[in-house]
N, C-alpha and C. Protein backbone atom coordinates (compact mmCIF):
# COMPACT_ATOMS: atom_id res chain seq x y z
N MET A 1 37.74 45.49 51.71
CA MET A 1 37.75 44.79 51.54
C MET A 1 37.80 43.51 50.48
N ARG A 2 39.00 43.44 49.78
CA ARG A 2 38.47 42.91 48.65
C ARG A 2 38.29 41.41 48.64
N LEU A 3 37.51 40.77 47.73
CA LEU A 3 36.82 39.42 47.51
C LEU A 3 37.70 39.05 47.92
N LEU A 4 37.23 37.94 48.63
CA LEU A 4 38.21 37.07 49.63
C LEU A 4 37.43 35.54 48.69
N LYS A 5 38.75 34.44 48.07
CA LYS A 5 38.56 33.51 47.25
C LYS A 5 37.87 32.29 48.36
N SER A 6 36.70 31.64 47.94
CA SER A 6 35.57 30.99 48.73
C SER A 6 36.72 29.99 48.87
N ASP A 7 37.25 29.10 48.03
CA ASP A 7 37.66 27.88 48.38
C ASP A 7 39.14 28.27 49.40
N LYS A 8 39.49 29.18 49.99
CA LYS A 8 40.74 29.30 51.04
C LYS A 8 40.45 28.96 51.68
N GLU A 9 40.87 28.25 52.91
CA GLU A 9 40.12 27.84 53.89
C GLU A 9 40.99 28.65 55.15
N SER A 10 42.12 28.91 54.82
CA SER A 10 43.09 29.69 55.90
C SER A 10 44.03 31.04 54.93
N TYR A 11 44.41 31.82 56.11
CA TYR A 11 45.61 33.09 55.59
C TYR A 11 46.39 33.33 56.22
N SER A 12 47.29 33.35 55.54
CA SER A 12 48.66 33.65 56.92
C SER A 12 48.24 35.13 57.19
N GLU A 13 49.47 36.26 58.15
CA GLU A 13 48.89 37.24 58.22
C GLU A 13 49.73 37.84 57.26
N VAL A 14 50.50 37.81 56.20
CA VAL A 14 51.07 38.62 55.46
C VAL A 14 49.26 38.45 54.17
N GLU A 15 48.67 37.59 53.98
CA GLU A 15 47.57 37.08 53.22
C GLU A 15 46.51 38.24 53.26
N ALA A 16 46.71 38.10 55.10
CA ALA A 16 44.99 38.79 55.66
C ALA A 16 45.48 40.19 55.46
N ALA A 17 46.45 40.68 56.03
CA ALA A 17 46.95 42.03 55.46
C ALA A 17 46.98 42.55 53.87
N GLU A 18 47.15 41.77 53.43
CA GLU A 18 47.03 42.20 51.82
C GLU A 18 45.34 42.06 51.46
N VAL A 19 44.70 41.39 52.17
CA VAL A 19 43.33 41.20 51.71
C VAL A 19 42.77 42.54 52.24
N LEU A 20 43.37 42.26 53.44
CA LEU A 20 42.35 44.03 54.28
C LEU A 20 42.87 45.12 53.47
N GLY A 21 44.18 45.06 53.01
CA GLY A 21 44.27 46.37 52.64
C GLY A 21 45.22 47.37 53.79
N ILE A 22 45.61 46.79 54.89
CA ILE A 22 46.61 47.25 55.57
C ILE A 22 48.23 46.59 55.95
N SER A 23 48.62 47.64 56.87
CA SER A 23 49.83 46.97 56.86
C SER A 23 50.08 45.54 57.74
N MET A 24 51.08 45.12 57.40
CA MET A 24 51.29 44.31 59.08
C MET A 24 51.12 44.78 60.51
N ASP A 25 52.30 46.00 60.36
CA ASP A 25 52.29 46.61 61.47
C ASP A 25 50.38 46.90 62.01
N ARG A 26 49.52 47.45 61.03
CA ARG A 26 47.88 47.82 61.48
C ARG A 26 47.41 46.49 61.88
N LEU A 27 47.54 45.52 61.55
CA LEU A 27 47.04 44.20 61.53
C LEU A 27 47.68 43.78 63.01
N HIS A 28 48.81 43.74 63.28
CA HIS A 28 49.38 43.63 64.41
C HIS A 28 48.89 44.85 65.77
N LEU A 29 48.77 45.87 65.53
CA LEU A 29 47.86 46.66 66.49
C LEU A 29 46.95 46.48 66.68
N LEU A 30 45.70 46.07 65.65
CA LEU A 30 44.79 45.24 65.99
C LEU A 30 44.47 43.98 66.67
N LEU A 31 45.29 43.31 66.29
CA LEU A 31 45.37 42.01 67.24
C LEU A 31 45.65 42.40 68.71
N ASN A 32 46.91 42.82 68.93
CA ASN A 32 47.44 43.33 70.22
C ASN A 32 46.42 44.48 70.74
N GLU A 33 45.49 45.04 70.24
CA GLU A 33 44.38 46.00 70.99
C GLU A 33 42.93 44.91 70.97
N ASN A 34 42.83 43.82 70.42
CA ASN A 34 41.39 43.49 70.60
C ASN A 34 41.25 41.82 70.72
N VAL A 35 42.56 41.27 71.32
CA VAL A 35 42.64 39.21 70.84
C VAL A 35 43.92 39.75 71.85
N PHE A 36 45.35 40.06 72.03
CA PHE A 36 46.07 39.38 73.08
C PHE A 36 46.06 41.24 73.63
N ASN A 37 45.08 41.38 74.65
CA ASN A 37 45.62 42.69 75.50
C ASN A 37 44.51 41.99 77.20
N ASP A 38 45.47 40.66 77.16
CA ASP A 38 45.46 40.18 78.62
C ASP A 38 46.48 39.70 79.33
N GLY A 39 47.43 40.19 78.21
CA GLY A 39 48.65 39.82 78.75
C GLY A 39 49.58 38.36 77.71
N SER A 40 48.78 37.92 77.61
CA SER A 40 48.62 36.37 77.02
C SER A 40 49.77 37.04 75.31
N PRO A 41 50.94 36.34 74.87
CA PRO A 41 52.00 36.84 73.42
C PRO A 41 51.21 36.48 72.62
N LYS A 42 50.90 36.81 71.53
CA LYS A 42 50.61 36.57 70.21
C LYS A 42 51.99 35.30 70.02
N PRO A 43 51.17 34.44 69.30
CA PRO A 43 51.52 33.13 68.78
C PRO A 43 53.07 33.77 67.91
N GLN A 44 53.69 33.17 67.47
CA GLN A 44 54.41 32.89 66.42
C GLN A 44 54.33 32.96 65.14
N GLN A 45 53.08 32.19 64.38
CA GLN A 45 52.68 32.33 63.33
C GLN A 45 50.85 31.85 63.84
N LEU A 46 49.89 32.94 62.88
CA LEU A 46 48.94 33.11 63.02
C LEU A 46 48.30 32.65 61.70
N SER A 47 47.12 31.93 61.56
CA SER A 47 46.23 31.71 60.32
C SER A 47 45.14 32.61 60.52
N PHE A 48 44.42 33.09 59.66
CA PHE A 48 43.15 33.62 59.54
C PHE A 48 41.64 33.05 58.87
N ARG A 49 40.88 32.56 59.57
CA ARG A 49 39.68 32.72 58.60
C ARG A 49 39.14 33.40 58.02
N THR A 50 37.72 33.44 56.86
CA THR A 50 37.20 34.92 56.11
C THR A 50 36.20 35.58 57.58
N THR A 51 36.01 34.29 58.41
CA THR A 51 34.79 35.38 59.25
C THR A 51 35.87 36.33 60.48
N ASP A 52 37.66 35.51 60.46
CA ASP A 52 38.42 36.06 61.30
C ASP A 52 38.50 37.52 60.53
N LEU A 53 39.02 37.79 59.06
CA LEU A 53 39.43 38.90 57.95
C LEU A 53 37.91 39.99 58.24
N ILE A 54 36.94 39.09 58.18
CA ILE A 54 35.52 40.22 58.74
C ILE A 54 35.60 41.26 60.19
N LEU A 55 35.93 40.38 60.62
CA LEU A 55 36.10 41.15 62.69
C LEU A 55 37.22 41.65 62.65
N ILE A 56 38.18 41.27 61.86
CA ILE A 56 39.77 42.66 61.83
C ILE A 56 38.75 43.24 61.01
N GLU A 57 38.65 43.42 59.77
CA GLU A 57 37.76 44.91 58.87
C GLU A 57 36.71 45.74 60.02
N PHE A 58 36.21 45.01 60.85
CA PHE A 58 35.81 46.05 61.26
C PHE A 58 36.10 46.62 62.28
N TRP A 59 37.09 46.16 62.97
CA TRP A 59 38.32 46.49 64.39
C TRP A 59 38.57 47.98 63.46
N ASP A 60 39.43 47.68 62.49
CA ASP A 60 39.86 48.55 61.48
C ASP A 60 39.44 49.70 61.27
N ARG A 61 38.07 49.36 60.84
CA ARG A 61 37.03 50.38 60.87
C ARG A 61 36.42 51.67 62.13
N THR A 62 36.61 50.69 63.15
CA THR A 62 36.23 51.13 64.19
C THR A 62 37.56 51.73 65.19
N LEU A 63 38.24 51.22 65.44
CA LEU A 63 39.62 51.92 66.04
C LEU A 63 39.35 53.14 66.71
N ALA A 64 38.82 54.06 65.93
CA ALA A 64 39.50 55.50 66.66
C ALA A 64 37.65 56.21 66.45
N ASP A 65 36.90 55.19 65.96
CA ASP A 65 35.59 55.62 66.08
C ASP A 65 34.63 55.79 67.40
N ASN A 66 34.35 56.93 68.21
CA ASN A 66 33.70 56.94 69.36
C ASN A 66 32.48 56.36 69.29
N LYS A 67 31.31 55.88 68.06
CA LYS A 67 30.46 55.77 68.51
C LYS A 67 29.88 54.86 68.59
N VAL A 68 30.92 53.78 68.48
CA VAL A 68 30.83 52.49 68.36
C VAL A 68 31.56 52.19 69.91
N VAL A 69 30.71 51.38 70.80
CA VAL A 69 30.71 50.88 72.09
C VAL A 69 31.56 49.74 72.36
N ARG A 70 32.89 49.81 72.60
CA ARG A 70 33.64 49.15 72.40
C ARG A 70 33.79 47.95 73.86
N MET A 71 34.36 46.64 73.82
CA MET A 71 34.40 45.36 74.90
C MET A 71 35.28 46.00 75.27
N PRO A 72 35.09 46.19 76.81
CA PRO A 72 36.63 46.17 77.75
C PRO A 72 37.71 45.47 77.52
N LYS A 73 39.10 46.08 77.73
CA LYS A 73 39.90 44.64 77.97
C LYS A 73 39.94 44.11 79.05
N ARG A 74 40.36 42.85 78.71
CA ARG A 74 40.38 41.95 79.49
C ARG A 74 41.83 41.99 80.58
N HIS A 75 41.29 41.37 81.45
CA HIS A 75 42.67 41.71 82.48
C HIS A 75 43.01 40.86 83.21
């Protein structure tokens, strides 16, 4: 992940994807797999904090890693 501006409190979806170095499609996939997996729809506009980006980066790195135990999907 690129160095985040410490004075920035929130990031848009576009800014988050750019900072993380991933596509918008990848960002939406990660959110759908890890956040909006209980049938609830994704809101039209999202904003992220620095801590959110750290978690999303973790998900991006571990999505296909079988060595990481992932939490089951909520139903």
